[in-house]
Amino acid sequence: MIDTWHFQSFDIGKFFKYKRDNKFLDAPFEIKQGDKLTFEILDVYAGTKYKDVALSEFMVEGAGN
């Protein structure tokens, strides 16, 4: 991804079996009731205007299995 203030998105769907719609059935993972996904910031890049970092919003879109 590039560094920008505009809306950015990524799709991790192909890594998870989606049985309801018979998609990605050969994916390596399956999310079950009660499972939790954790997202971790791995690296921070210096900005040109500010020295601190912030995420303004983290939205998740998903569907049930």
Protein backbone atom coordinates (compact mmCIF):
# COMPACT_ATOMS: atom_id res chain seq x y z
CA MET A 1 0.00 0.00 0.00
CA ILE A 2 1.03 3.56 -0.51
CA ASP A 3 1.07 6.21 2.21
CA THR A 4 -2.03 8.35 1.70
CA TRP A 5 -4.81 9.98 3.70
CA HIS A 6 -7.40 8.60 1.28
CA PHE A 7 -9.55 5.57 2.08
CA GLN A 8 -7.57 2.34 1.73
CA SER A 9 -8.79 -1.23 1.76
CA PHE A 10 -7.50 -4.78 1.53
CA ASP A 11 -9.22 -8.14 1.19
CA ILE A 12 -8.20 -11.13 3.31
CA GLY A 13 -11.20 -13.20 2.22
CA LYS A 14 -9.22 -15.61 0.07
CA PHE A 15 -7.41 -16.89 3.18
CA PHE A 16 -10.64 -18.16 4.78
CA LYS A 17 -13.13 -20.84 3.75
CA TYR A 18 -16.51 -19.28 2.92
CA LYS A 19 -18.86 -22.24 3.08
CA ARG A 20 -22.09 -20.24 2.88
CA ASP A 21 -21.29 -19.20 -0.71
CA ASN A 22 -19.01 -22.17 -1.53
CA LYS A 23 -16.04 -19.86 -2.07
CA PHE A 24 -12.37 -20.34 -1.23
CA LEU A 25 -13.03 -23.89 -0.01
CA ASP A 26 -9.33 -24.72 -0.38
CA ALA A 27 -8.31 -21.74 1.80
CA PRO A 28 -5.96 -22.56 4.69
CA PHE A 29 -8.21 -21.19 7.48
CA GLU A 30 -11.80 -21.42 8.62
CA ILE A 31 -13.37 -18.97 11.05
CA LYS A 32 -15.69 -20.61 13.55
CA GLN A 33 -18.12 -19.21 16.13
CA GLY A 34 -16.15 -17.46 18.88
CA ASP A 35 -12.92 -17.07 16.89
CA LYS A 36 -11.19 -13.70 16.96
CA LEU A 37 -8.91 -12.05 14.43
CA THR A 38 -6.16 -9.75 15.68
CA PHE A 39 -4.64 -7.03 13.52
CA GLU A 40 -1.25 -5.69 14.51
CA ILE A 41 0.61 -2.63 13.21
CA LEU A 42 3.95 -4.08 12.14
CA ASP A 43 5.75 -0.96 11.01
CA VAL A 44 5.38 2.80 11.16
CA TYR A 45 6.82 5.12 8.54
CA ALA A 46 7.90 8.66 9.33
CA GLY A 47 5.50 11.29 8.06
CA THR A 48 6.41 14.55 6.40
CA LYS A 49 4.17 16.76 8.54
CA TYR A 50 3.86 15.10 11.98
CA LYS A 51 6.09 12.90 14.13
CA ASP A 52 3.21 10.96 15.70
CA VAL A 53 1.02 8.30 14.12
CA ALA A 54 -2.70 7.63 14.24
CA LEU A 55 -5.31 5.42 12.69
CA SER A 56 -8.46 7.43 12.25
CA GLU A 57 -10.69 4.43 11.65
CA PHE A 58 -10.49 0.68 11.15
CA MET A 59 -13.61 -0.79 9.52
CA VAL A 60 -14.26 -4.48 9.05
CA GLU A 61 -16.67 -5.97 6.56
CA GLY A 62 -17.56 -9.61 6.76
CA ALA A 63 -20.21 -12.23 6.41
CA GLY A 64 -21.25 -15.24 8.43
CA ASN A 65 -20.29 -18.74 7.44
